[in-house]
Protein backbone atom coordinates (compact mmCIF):
# COMPACT_ATOMS: atom_id res chain seq x y z
CA MET A 1 -0.49 159.05 -44.62
CA ASP A 2 0.44 159.96 -48.18
CA GLY A 3 3.91 161.50 -48.07
CA SER A 4 3.93 164.94 -49.68
CA PRO A 5 7.22 164.60 -51.60
CA ILE A 6 5.85 161.43 -53.23
CA ARG A 7 2.66 163.16 -54.31
CA ALA A 8 4.56 166.14 -55.65
CA ALA A 9 6.96 163.96 -57.62
CA ALA A 10 4.06 161.97 -59.02
CA GLY A 11 2.63 165.09 -60.64
CA ALA A 12 -0.32 165.51 -58.29
CA GLY A 13 -0.04 169.28 -58.55
CA PRO A 14 0.90 171.68 -55.77
CA LEU A 15 0.25 170.57 -52.22
CA VAL A 16 -2.25 172.73 -50.38
CA LYS A 17 -2.36 172.77 -46.59
CA ILE A 18 -5.31 174.61 -45.06
CA CYS A 19 -4.25 175.51 -41.55
CA GLY A 20 -5.94 176.83 -38.44
CA VAL A 21 -9.14 174.88 -39.04
CA THR A 22 -11.61 175.05 -36.15
CA ARG A 23 -14.93 173.93 -37.72
CA ALA A 24 -15.90 170.51 -39.10
CA GLU A 25 -17.58 172.05 -42.15
CA ASP A 26 -14.36 173.85 -43.06
CA ALA A 27 -12.30 170.68 -42.65
CA ALA A 28 -14.74 168.79 -44.86
CA LEU A 29 -14.81 171.46 -47.58
CA ALA A 30 -11.01 171.65 -47.67
CA ALA A 31 -10.87 167.88 -48.14
CA ARG A 32 -13.52 167.90 -50.87
CA LEU A 33 -11.63 170.61 -52.73
CA GLY A 34 -8.48 168.48 -52.69
CA ALA A 35 -6.43 169.77 -49.79
CA TRP A 36 -3.29 167.74 -49.22
CA ALA A 37 -3.37 168.57 -45.51
CA VAL A 38 -5.54 170.08 -42.81
CA GLY A 39 -3.71 171.86 -40.01
CA LEU A 40 -4.90 171.88 -36.40
CA VAL A 41 -3.24 174.38 -34.06
CA PHE A 42 -2.36 173.25 -30.54
CA ALA A 43 -0.28 176.33 -29.71
CA GLU A 44 -1.51 179.59 -28.21
CA SER A 45 -3.63 181.15 -30.94
CA PRO A 46 -7.19 182.29 -31.70
CA ARG A 47 -7.28 179.14 -33.85
CA ARG A 48 -6.24 176.79 -31.06
CA VAL A 49 -8.25 173.57 -30.71
CA LYS A 50 -8.53 171.05 -27.90
CA PRO A 51 -7.83 167.33 -28.47
CA ALA A 52 -11.50 166.28 -28.47
CA GLN A 53 -12.35 168.98 -30.99
CA ALA A 54 -9.32 168.04 -33.06
CA ARG A 55 -10.50 164.44 -33.34
CA ILE A 56 -13.85 165.63 -34.68
CA LEU A 57 -12.14 167.88 -37.22
CA ALA A 58 -9.78 165.11 -38.35
CA ALA A 59 -12.67 162.69 -38.81
CA ALA A 60 -14.64 165.26 -40.82
CA ALA A 61 -11.71 165.85 -43.14
CA ARG A 62 -11.00 162.18 -43.68
CA MET A 63 -14.65 161.29 -44.32
CA ALA A 64 -15.05 164.08 -46.88
CA ALA A 65 -12.19 163.03 -49.16
CA ALA A 66 -13.43 162.25 -52.65
CA PRO A 67 -13.59 158.55 -53.61
CA GLY A 68 -10.31 157.34 -55.04
CA THR A 69 -8.32 160.25 -53.64
CA PRO A 70 -5.99 160.19 -50.62
CA GLU A 71 -7.37 161.33 -47.29
CA PRO A 72 -5.88 164.64 -46.23
CA VAL A 73 -2.86 164.54 -43.98
CA ILE A 74 -3.86 165.73 -40.49
CA VAL A 75 -1.15 168.04 -39.17
CA GLY A 76 -0.77 169.17 -35.57
CA VAL A 77 0.91 172.56 -35.18
CA PHE A 78 3.09 173.07 -32.08
CA VAL A 79 5.32 175.83 -30.72
CA ASP A 80 8.16 174.93 -28.33
CA GLU A 81 6.29 171.92 -26.98
CA PRO A 82 8.19 169.00 -25.37
CA ALA A 83 8.46 165.84 -27.44
CA GLU A 84 6.52 163.80 -24.88
CA ALA A 85 3.52 166.14 -25.05
CA ILE A 86 3.58 166.19 -28.85
CA ALA A 87 3.79 162.40 -29.03
CA ALA A 88 0.87 161.99 -26.63
CA LEU A 89 -1.33 164.36 -28.64
CA ALA A 90 -0.28 162.75 -31.92
CA VAL A 91 -1.50 159.40 -30.64
CA GLU A 92 -4.67 160.79 -29.03
CA VAL A 93 -5.76 162.71 -32.13
CA GLU A 94 -4.27 160.23 -34.63
CA LEU A 95 -2.15 162.86 -36.33
CA ASP A 96 -0.34 162.02 -39.55
CA ALA A 97 2.18 164.84 -39.23
CA VAL A 98 3.43 167.51 -36.88
CA GLN A 99 4.55 171.03 -37.71
CA LEU A 100 7.15 172.37 -35.30
CA HIS A 101 7.71 176.07 -34.61
CA GLY A 102 9.61 177.89 -31.92
CA ALA A 103 12.69 179.65 -30.66
CA ARG A 104 13.79 177.20 -28.00
CA PRO A 105 16.93 175.18 -28.84
CA GLY A 106 16.67 171.42 -29.17
CA ALA A 107 14.35 171.07 -32.17
CA GLU A 108 16.49 168.24 -33.54
CA ALA A 109 16.28 166.39 -30.22
CA VAL A 110 12.48 166.72 -30.28
CA ARG A 111 12.37 165.27 -33.80
CA THR A 112 14.66 162.42 -32.75
CA VAL A 113 12.36 161.43 -29.90
CA LEU A 114 9.30 161.65 -32.14
CA ALA A 115 10.96 159.56 -34.83
CA GLU A 116 11.76 156.86 -32.31
CA ARG A 117 8.26 156.78 -30.83
CA LEU A 118 6.22 157.41 -33.98
CA PRO A 119 8.33 156.44 -37.00
CA ASP A 120 5.51 157.01 -39.51
CA LEU A 121 4.92 160.59 -38.39
CA LEU A 122 5.83 163.22 -41.00
CA MET A 123 7.76 166.07 -39.39
CA ILE A 124 7.46 169.52 -40.91
CA GLN A 125 10.00 171.93 -39.49
CA ALA A 126 9.13 175.62 -39.67
CA VAL A 127 11.86 178.06 -40.60
CA ALA A 128 11.07 181.61 -39.51
CA VAL A 129 11.73 184.36 -42.03
CA PRO A 130 12.08 187.75 -40.28
CA ALA A 131 9.46 190.23 -41.46
CA ASP A 132 12.15 192.91 -41.67
CA GLY A 133 14.18 190.80 -44.07
CA ALA A 134 16.85 188.11 -44.06
CA GLY A 135 19.74 187.54 -46.40
CA PRO A 136 19.85 184.28 -48.36
CA ALA A 137 22.98 183.12 -46.53
CA ALA A 138 21.46 183.69 -43.08
CA LEU A 139 18.23 181.95 -44.02
CA ARG A 140 20.12 179.04 -45.58
CA ALA A 141 22.11 178.63 -42.36
CA ALA A 142 18.93 178.71 -40.28
CA ALA A 143 17.29 176.11 -42.52
CA ALA A 144 20.33 173.82 -42.42
CA GLU A 145 20.45 174.05 -38.63
CA THR A 146 16.80 173.08 -38.20
CA ALA A 147 16.30 170.69 -41.14
CA ARG A 148 18.07 167.58 -39.85
CA GLY A 149 15.53 164.83 -39.30
CA ALA A 150 12.65 166.77 -40.88
CA GLY A 151 10.78 165.38 -43.87
CA MET A 152 9.76 168.84 -45.03
CA LEU A 153 10.41 172.50 -44.28
CA LEU A 154 7.93 175.34 -43.97
CA PHE A 155 9.08 178.90 -44.58
CA ASP A 156 6.82 181.36 -42.78
CA THR A 157 7.09 184.98 -41.74
CA ARG A 158 7.99 185.80 -38.15
CA SER A 159 6.74 189.11 -36.82
CA GLY A 160 6.03 190.55 -33.39
CA GLY A 161 7.10 187.38 -31.61
CA ARG A 162 4.68 185.25 -33.64
CA PHE A 163 6.15 182.22 -35.43
CA GLY A 164 3.39 181.91 -38.00
CA GLY A 165 -0.11 183.02 -38.85
CA THR A 166 1.08 186.60 -39.33
CA GLY A 167 -0.57 187.10 -42.72
CA ILE A 168 2.62 188.82 -43.89
CA PRO A 169 4.35 187.65 -47.10
CA PHE A 170 8.11 187.41 -47.44
CA PRO A 171 10.30 187.46 -50.58
CA TRP A 172 9.47 183.97 -51.84
CA ALA A 173 12.67 183.55 -53.83
CA LEU A 174 14.56 183.39 -50.51
CA ALA A 175 13.00 180.01 -49.78
CA ARG A 176 14.19 178.53 -53.07
CA GLU A 177 17.76 179.51 -52.19
CA ALA A 178 17.60 178.41 -48.56
CA ALA A 179 15.91 174.99 -48.84
CA ASP A 180 18.94 173.32 -50.41
CA GLY A 181 16.97 170.42 -51.91
CA THR A 182 14.66 169.66 -48.98
CA PRO A 183 10.95 169.69 -49.99
CA PHE A 184 9.30 172.78 -48.60
CA LEU A 185 6.09 174.74 -48.26
CA VAL A 186 5.71 178.51 -48.18
CA ALA A 187 3.30 180.43 -45.95
CA GLY A 188 2.56 183.98 -44.92
CA GLY A 189 -0.09 186.22 -46.45
CA LEU A 190 -1.14 183.73 -49.12
CA GLY A 191 -4.59 183.60 -50.68
CA PRO A 192 -6.37 183.18 -54.02
CA GLY A 193 -4.69 186.23 -55.52
CA ASN A 194 -1.05 185.29 -54.96
CA ALA A 195 -0.77 181.56 -54.17
CA ALA A 196 0.13 180.53 -57.72
CA GLU A 197 2.76 183.26 -57.97
CA ALA A 198 4.25 182.22 -54.62
CA LEU A 199 4.63 178.68 -55.89
CA ARG A 200 6.23 179.83 -59.13
CA VAL A 201 8.72 182.20 -57.53
CA SER A 202 9.66 180.01 -54.57
CA GLY A 203 9.81 176.60 -56.25
CA ALA A 204 7.92 175.16 -53.27
CA VAL A 205 6.10 171.83 -53.52
CA GLY A 206 3.12 173.49 -51.87
CA ILE A 207 1.56 176.26 -49.85
CA ASP A 208 0.24 176.65 -46.32
CA VAL A 209 -2.77 178.97 -46.12
CA SER A 210 -4.74 180.17 -43.11
CA SER A 211 -5.82 183.81 -42.76
CA GLY A 212 -5.96 184.27 -46.55
CA VAL A 213 -9.09 182.10 -46.73
CA GLU A 214 -10.82 183.34 -43.56
CA SER A 215 -13.69 185.66 -42.73
CA SER A 216 -12.35 185.86 -39.14
CA PRO A 217 -9.63 183.95 -37.23
CA GLY A 218 -10.38 180.23 -37.41
CA ILE A 219 -13.50 180.70 -39.56
CA LYS A 220 -12.82 179.72 -43.15
CA ASP A 221 -14.69 181.42 -45.96
CA ALA A 222 -16.13 178.88 -48.41
CA ALA A 223 -15.92 181.26 -51.37
CA LEU A 224 -12.27 182.06 -50.65
CA LEU A 225 -11.41 178.38 -50.26
CA ARG A 226 -12.99 177.60 -53.63
CA ALA A 227 -11.23 180.58 -55.21
CA LEU A 228 -7.88 179.42 -53.85
CA PHE A 229 -8.17 175.94 -55.34
CA GLY A 230 -9.62 177.37 -58.54
CA SER A 231 -6.62 179.69 -58.96
CA LEU A 232 -4.24 176.75 -58.69
CA VAL A 233 -6.22 174.59 -61.12
CA ARG A 234 -6.15 177.41 -63.69
CA LYS A 235 -2.40 177.77 -63.19
CA GLU A 236 -1.83 174.04 -63.75
CA GLU A 237 -4.01 174.06 -66.88
CA ALA A 238 -2.05 176.99 -68.27
CA ARG A 239 1.29 175.22 -67.98
């Protein structure tokens, strides 16, 4: 696994995580385009995958990486799952990272168990941003409470009881204020038209995109994927 903060510091450009992948051809295209990570959802979702399917998707992504470039980080996405179940799936699917969402207390304890059992596993802790707004102080407190033991944060919009995948943007500047130095990604309603602006405003090391590059839930649109990466390349060249 190629740690995301290292890549960001080395000037590799913004990190792009394509999440909710359900088809091998989408995993492979994301890798060929330069995705830092491919996200596989194990929580209740129209994008949910089973372990056997996840192994096929992970293999497709890794095999498609361009020569001389790092293989994409394979991220398992979980909501309020016990540490033992996450660890078992991480081993079975050969995950490089886990992304943890949820409302149940004890997230730090879950990360502690995972760190003991799988010390090389990158842990991305999601921080829910209420769709109806959150003050910087409240979001900073929520991030501080959940960040301990996490290698990276993910700020995503929470709406209607959903902890991610809402397709709803939030005020990106809030994440810059709340992260307090921890590397972070932003998510929620991102696509080719606004990803570069989200990075600029938030100060994030990368983005997490799902519905913004889909033709339907779990089905990625090749043209939108190419447009997303193209928009970020143009932004880097303009700097």
